[in-house]
């Protein structure tokens, strides 16, 4: 709390401070506070003003979202299928050991997080019997953003894999 007073006095404001409070009825609420100094014509501080916003519902929703993400991560990491999830910018947001094993990637799944999926495509396309066809199909699937089930892919070593693709579109409210 001291740093807030310091910011208010030295900068003239503070933003986005979050705190847990208790109401008169002993309910717990989360609030976000923004405050600034009020100055007179001589630029002397004469008061302070602030806005306190109740963010209890947003915080609860954020926590539920995080819990869901953690459960999804645990599920993906333990599946016996190679999984890769990417965000809207084609950055890898989650993958698992099976994916790395199938495609002979010498990095851990955690090391792939944040990398562009094009990197993974370049790494693994040479393993396929028809690398250009494999690459073009991925580009087509991602561009169309439609579900694909049961695409059969053949590796150079004769292994046949099944590709399923499911776009998950999250809209912000």
C-alpha atoms as a PDB file:
ATOM      1  CA  UNK A   1       0.000   0.000   0.000  1.00  0.00           C
ATOM      2  CA  UNK A   2       2.944   2.324   0.666  1.00  0.00           C
ATOM      3  CA  UNK A   3       4.009   2.252  -2.977  1.00  0.00           C
ATOM      4  CA  UNK A   4       0.523   3.470  -3.978  1.00  0.00           C
ATOM      5  CA  UNK A   5       0.874   6.538  -1.789  1.00  0.00           C
ATOM      6  CA  UNK A   6       4.396   7.031  -3.155  1.00  0.00           C
ATOM      7  CA  UNK A   7       3.107   6.814  -6.765  1.00  0.00           C
ATOM      8  CA  UNK A   8       0.245   9.150  -5.957  1.00  0.00           C
ATOM      9  CA  UNK A   9       2.583  11.730  -4.420  1.00  0.00           C
ATOM     10  CA  UNK A  10       5.423  11.469  -6.958  1.00  0.00           C
ATOM     11  CA  UNK A  11       3.577  10.723 -10.204  1.00  0.00           C
ATOM     12  CA  UNK A  12       0.259  12.274  -9.303  1.00  0.00           C
ATOM     13  CA  UNK A  13      -1.701   9.066  -9.944  1.00  0.00           C
ATOM     14  CA  UNK A  14      -1.828   5.299  -9.675  1.00  0.00           C
ATOM     15  CA  UNK A  15      -3.723   2.843 -11.854  1.00  0.00           C
ATOM     16  CA  UNK A  16      -5.167  -0.649 -11.747  1.00  0.00           C
ATOM     17  CA  UNK A  17      -4.530  -1.423  -8.093  1.00  0.00           C
ATOM     18  CA  UNK A  18      -6.509  -4.505  -7.107  1.00  0.00           C
ATOM     19  CA  UNK A  19      -7.473  -5.366  -3.575  1.00  0.00           C
ATOM     20  CA  UNK A  20      -9.731  -7.701  -1.660  1.00  0.00           C
ATOM     21  CA  UNK A  21     -12.163  -5.963   0.680  1.00  0.00           C
ATOM     22  CA  UNK A  22     -14.841  -7.008   3.126  1.00  0.00           C
ATOM     23  CA  UNK A  23     -18.279  -5.395   2.973  1.00  0.00           C
ATOM     24  CA  UNK A  24     -20.388  -4.517   6.031  1.00  0.00           C
ATOM     25  CA  UNK A  25     -22.238  -7.793   5.496  1.00  0.00           C
ATOM     26  CA  UNK A  26     -18.877  -9.634   5.635  1.00  0.00           C
ATOM     27  CA  UNK A  27     -18.856 -10.463   1.930  1.00  0.00           C
ATOM     28  CA  UNK A  28     -15.530 -10.569   0.125  1.00  0.00           C
ATOM     29  CA  UNK A  29     -15.315  -8.286  -2.895  1.00  0.00           C
ATOM     30  CA  UNK A  30     -12.470  -7.556  -5.291  1.00  0.00           C
ATOM     31  CA  UNK A  31     -12.016  -3.971  -6.397  1.00  0.00           C
ATOM     32  CA  UNK A  32      -9.805  -2.141  -8.846  1.00  0.00           C
ATOM     33  CA  UNK A  33      -8.780   1.379  -7.909  1.00  0.00           C
ATOM     34  CA  UNK A  34      -7.488   4.268 -10.010  1.00  0.00           C
ATOM     35  CA  UNK A  35      -6.649   7.541  -8.297  1.00  0.00           C
ATOM     36  CA  UNK A  36      -5.125  10.909  -9.102  1.00  0.00           C
ATOM     37  CA  UNK A  37      -4.204  14.136  -7.353  1.00  0.00           C
ATOM     38  CA  UNK A  38      -6.342  17.236  -7.890  1.00  0.00           C
ATOM     39  CA  UNK A  39      -4.287  20.408  -8.371  1.00  0.00           C
ATOM     40  CA  UNK A  40      -5.281  24.052  -8.056  1.00  0.00           C
ATOM     41  CA  UNK A  41      -4.375  26.784 -10.556  1.00  0.00           C
ATOM     42  CA  UNK A  42      -0.972  27.190  -8.891  1.00  0.00           C
ATOM     43  CA  UNK A  43      -0.292  23.476  -9.451  1.00  0.00           C
ATOM     44  CA  UNK A  44      -0.525  22.767  -5.725  1.00  0.00           C
ATOM     45  CA  UNK A  45      -2.188  19.517  -4.665  1.00  0.00           C
ATOM     46  CA  UNK A  46      -5.511  20.216  -3.014  1.00  0.00           C
ATOM     47  CA  UNK A  47      -7.097  16.769  -2.977  1.00  0.00           C
ATOM     48  CA  UNK A  48      -7.319  13.368  -4.496  1.00  0.00           C
ATOM     49  CA  UNK A  49      -9.956  11.628  -6.539  1.00  0.00           C
ATOM     50  CA  UNK A  50     -10.436   8.006  -7.320  1.00  0.00           C
ATOM     51  CA  UNK A  51     -12.588   5.421  -8.958  1.00  0.00           C
ATOM     52  CA  UNK A  52     -13.274   2.104  -7.282  1.00  0.00           C
ATOM     53  CA  UNK A  53     -14.670  -0.578  -9.567  1.00  0.00           C
ATOM     54  CA  UNK A  54     -16.123  -3.883  -8.354  1.00  0.00           C
ATOM     55  CA  UNK A  55     -14.287  -6.604 -10.309  1.00  0.00           C
ATOM     56  CA  UNK A  56     -15.487  -9.553  -8.225  1.00  0.00           C
ATOM     57  CA  UNK A  57     -17.378 -11.224 -11.083  1.00  0.00           C
ATOM     58  CA  UNK A  58     -14.591 -10.648 -13.606  1.00  0.00           C
ATOM     59  CA  UNK A  59     -12.013 -12.048 -11.219  1.00  0.00           C
ATOM     60  CA  UNK A  60     -14.168 -15.127 -10.545  1.00  0.00           C
ATOM     61  CA  UNK A  61     -14.587 -15.654 -14.307  1.00  0.00           C
ATOM     62  CA  UNK A  62     -10.815 -15.278 -14.811  1.00  0.00           C
ATOM     63  CA  UNK A  63     -10.172 -17.866 -12.096  1.00  0.00           C
ATOM     64  CA  UNK A  64     -12.640 -20.309 -13.681  1.00  0.00           C
ATOM     65  CA  UNK A  65     -10.995 -19.771 -17.053  1.00  0.00           C
ATOM     66  CA  UNK A  66      -7.581 -20.474 -15.544  1.00  0.00           C
ATOM     67  CA  UNK A  67      -8.898 -23.631 -13.860  1.00  0.00           C
ATOM     68  CA  UNK A  68     -10.360 -24.812 -17.182  1.00  0.00           C
ATOM     69  CA  UNK A  69      -7.092 -24.080 -18.962  1.00  0.00           C
ATOM     70  CA  UNK A  70      -5.165 -26.040 -16.333  1.00  0.00           C
ATOM     71  CA  UNK A  71      -7.527 -29.023 -16.653  1.00  0.00           C
ATOM     72  CA  UNK A  72      -7.241 -28.912 -20.457  1.00  0.00           C
ATOM     73  CA  UNK A  73      -3.458 -28.744 -20.178  1.00  0.00           C
ATOM     74  CA  UNK A  74      -3.363 -31.743 -17.841  1.00  0.00           C
ATOM     75  CA  UNK A  75      -5.608 -33.704 -20.226  1.00  0.00           C
ATOM     76  CA  UNK A  76      -3.560 -32.853 -23.322  1.00  0.00           C
ATOM     77  CA  UNK A  77      -0.241 -33.559 -21.648  1.00  0.00           C
ATOM     78  CA  UNK A  78      -1.372 -37.063 -20.663  1.00  0.00           C
ATOM     79  CA  UNK A  79      -3.093 -38.153 -23.873  1.00  0.00           C
ATOM     80  CA  UNK A  80      -1.614 -40.964 -25.913  1.00  0.00           C
ATOM     81  CA  UNK A  81      -2.182 -38.941 -29.087  1.00  0.00           C
ATOM     82  CA  UNK A  82       0.036 -36.211 -30.469  1.00  0.00           C
ATOM     83  CA  UNK A  83      -1.661 -32.903 -29.796  1.00  0.00           C
ATOM     84  CA  UNK A  84      -0.735 -29.358 -30.738  1.00  0.00           C
ATOM     85  CA  UNK A  85      -2.816 -26.289 -29.888  1.00  0.00           C
ATOM     86  CA  UNK A  86      -2.027 -22.952 -31.421  1.00  0.00           C
ATOM     87  CA  UNK A  87      -3.422 -19.482 -30.876  1.00  0.00           C
ATOM     88  CA  UNK A  88      -4.891 -17.108 -33.446  1.00  0.00           C
ATOM     89  CA  UNK A  89      -1.372 -15.992 -34.401  1.00  0.00           C
ATOM     90  CA  UNK A  90      -0.305 -19.597 -35.062  1.00  0.00           C
ATOM     91  CA  UNK A  91       1.892 -19.627 -31.953  1.00  0.00           C
ATOM     92  CA  UNK A  92       2.055 -22.936 -30.102  1.00  0.00           C
ATOM     93  CA  UNK A  93       0.164 -22.610 -26.849  1.00  0.00           C
ATOM     94  CA  UNK A  94       0.157 -26.268 -25.823  1.00  0.00           C
ATOM     95  CA  UNK A  95       1.528 -29.569 -27.030  1.00  0.00           C
ATOM     96  CA  UNK A  96       2.475 -32.882 -25.470  1.00  0.00           C
ATOM     97  CA  UNK A  97       5.264 -35.458 -25.307  1.00  0.00           C
ATOM     98  CA  UNK A  98       3.504 -37.772 -27.743  1.00  0.00           C
ATOM     99  CA  UNK A  99       3.562 -35.052 -30.418  1.00  0.00           C
ATOM    100  CA  UNK A 100       7.298 -34.562 -29.869  1.00  0.00           C
ATOM    101  CA  UNK A 101       7.901 -38.341 -29.971  1.00  0.00           C
ATOM    102  CA  UNK A 102       5.845 -38.912 -33.127  1.00  0.00           C
ATOM    103  CA  UNK A 103       7.676 -36.193 -35.009  1.00  0.00           C
ATOM    104  CA  UNK A 104      11.124 -36.762 -33.508  1.00  0.00           C
ATOM    105  CA  UNK A 105      11.344 -33.281 -31.990  1.00  0.00           C
ATOM    106  CA  UNK A 106      14.263 -33.118 -29.559  1.00  0.00           C
ATOM    107  CA  UNK A 107      12.696 -30.397 -27.435  1.00  0.00           C
ATOM    108  CA  UNK A 108      10.284 -30.691 -24.539  1.00  0.00           C
ATOM    109  CA  UNK A 109       6.693 -29.574 -25.086  1.00  0.00           C
ATOM    110  CA  UNK A 110       7.320 -26.597 -22.783  1.00  0.00           C
ATOM    111  CA  UNK A 111      10.183 -25.441 -25.028  1.00  0.00           C
ATOM    112  CA  UNK A 112       7.781 -25.238 -27.971  1.00  0.00           C
ATOM    113  CA  UNK A 113       5.315 -22.873 -26.265  1.00  0.00           C
ATOM    114  CA  UNK A 114       5.265 -19.524 -27.999  1.00  0.00           C
ATOM    115  CA  UNK A 115       7.041 -20.751 -31.144  1.00  0.00           C
ATOM    116  CA  UNK A 116       5.361 -20.138 -34.453  1.00  0.00           C
ATOM    117  CA  UNK A 117       3.620 -23.241 -35.813  1.00  0.00           C
ATOM    118  CA  UNK A 118       5.407 -22.691 -39.117  1.00  0.00           C
ATOM    119  CA  UNK A 119       8.564 -23.729 -37.261  1.00  0.00           C
ATOM    120  CA  UNK A 120       6.931 -27.068 -36.349  1.00  0.00           C
ATOM    121  CA  UNK A 121       5.707 -27.494 -39.924  1.00  0.00           C
ATOM    122  CA  UNK A 122       9.223 -26.972 -41.285  1.00  0.00           C
ATOM    123  CA  UNK A 123      10.617 -29.393 -38.682  1.00  0.00           C
ATOM    124  CA  UNK A 124       8.230 -32.254 -39.413  1.00  0.00           C
ATOM    125  CA  UNK A 125       7.197 -32.012 -43.072  1.00  0.00           C
ATOM    126  CA  UNK A 126      10.348 -33.832 -44.197  1.00  0.00           C
ATOM    127  CA  UNK A 127       9.165 -36.917 -42.279  1.00  0.00           C
ATOM    128  CA  UNK A 128       6.190 -37.341 -44.635  1.00  0.00           C
ATOM    129  CA  UNK A 129       6.098 -39.322 -47.844  1.00  0.00           C
ATOM    130  CA  UNK A 130       4.663 -36.266 -49.653  1.00  0.00           C
ATOM    131  CA  UNK A 131       5.990 -33.242 -47.723  1.00  0.00           C
ATOM    132  CA  UNK A 132       4.625 -30.584 -50.085  1.00  0.00           C
ATOM    133  CA  UNK A 133       1.169 -32.156 -50.060  1.00  0.00           C
ATOM    134  CA  UNK A 134       1.318 -32.319 -46.239  1.00  0.00           C
ATOM    135  CA  UNK A 135       2.280 -28.630 -46.011  1.00  0.00           C
ATOM    136  CA  UNK A 136      -0.331 -27.470 -48.533  1.00  0.00           C
ATOM    137  CA  UNK A 137      -3.078 -29.396 -46.721  1.00  0.00           C
ATOM    138  CA  UNK A 138      -2.164 -27.760 -43.397  1.00  0.00           C
ATOM    139  CA  UNK A 139      -2.285 -24.326 -45.017  1.00  0.00           C
ATOM    140  CA  UNK A 140      -5.687 -25.164 -46.529  1.00  0.00           C
ATOM    141  CA  UNK A 141      -7.091 -26.519 -43.240  1.00  0.00           C
ATOM    142  CA  UNK A 142      -5.916 -23.547 -41.183  1.00  0.00           C
ATOM    143  CA  UNK A 143      -7.146 -21.036 -43.786  1.00  0.00           C
ATOM    144  CA  UNK A 144     -10.611 -22.617 -43.973  1.00  0.00           C
ATOM    145  CA  UNK A 145     -10.976 -22.930 -40.175  1.00  0.00           C
ATOM    146  CA  UNK A 146     -13.291 -25.897 -40.566  1.00  0.00           C
ATOM    147  CA  UNK A 147     -13.150 -29.172 -38.693  1.00  0.00           C
ATOM    148  CA  UNK A 148     -11.287 -32.058 -40.314  1.00  0.00           C
ATOM    149  CA  UNK A 149     -11.544 -35.649 -39.136  1.00  0.00           C
ATOM    150  CA  UNK A 150      -9.747 -38.728 -40.357  1.00  0.00           C
ATOM    151  CA  UNK A 151      -7.143 -37.303 -42.732  1.00  0.00           C
ATOM    152  CA  UNK A 152      -4.659 -40.141 -43.290  1.00  0.00           C
ATOM    153  CA  UNK A 153      -1.003 -39.148 -43.417  1.00  0.00           C
ATOM    154  CA  UNK A 154       1.861 -41.432 -44.354  1.00  0.00           C
ATOM    155  CA  UNK A 155       5.368 -41.001 -43.059  1.00  0.00           C
ATOM    156  CA  UNK A 156       8.427 -42.027 -45.088  1.00  0.00           C
ATOM    157  CA  UNK A 157       8.969 -44.948 -42.702  1.00  0.00           C
ATOM    158  CA  UNK A 158       5.523 -46.354 -43.581  1.00  0.00           C
ATOM    159  CA  UNK A 159       3.764 -45.198 -40.398  1.00  0.00           C
ATOM    160  CA  UNK A 160       0.206 -44.030 -41.065  1.00  0.00           C
ATOM    161  CA  UNK A 161      -1.217 -41.307 -38.857  1.00  0.00           C
ATOM    162  CA  UNK A 162      -4.704 -39.876 -38.607  1.00  0.00           C
ATOM    163  CA  UNK A 163      -5.072 -36.088 -38.456  1.00  0.00           C
ATOM    164  CA  UNK A 164      -8.027 -34.422 -36.803  1.00  0.00           C
ATOM    165  CA  UNK A 165      -8.320 -30.641 -36.676  1.00  0.00           C
ATOM    166  CA  UNK A 166     -10.822 -28.685 -34.666  1.00  0.00           C
ATOM    167  CA  UNK A 167     -10.814 -24.889 -34.713  1.00  0.00           C
ATOM    168  CA  UNK A 168     -11.826 -23.367 -31.394  1.00  0.00           C
ATOM    169  CA  UNK A 169     -13.040 -19.838 -31.890  1.00  0.00           C
ATOM    170  CA  UNK A 170     -13.250 -17.734 -28.763  1.00  0.00           C
ATOM    171  CA  UNK A 171     -15.057 -14.447 -29.059  1.00  0.00           C
ATOM    172  CA  UNK A 172     -14.449 -11.721 -26.502  1.00  0.00           C
ATOM    173  CA  UNK A 173     -17.537 -10.062 -25.103  1.00  0.00           C
END
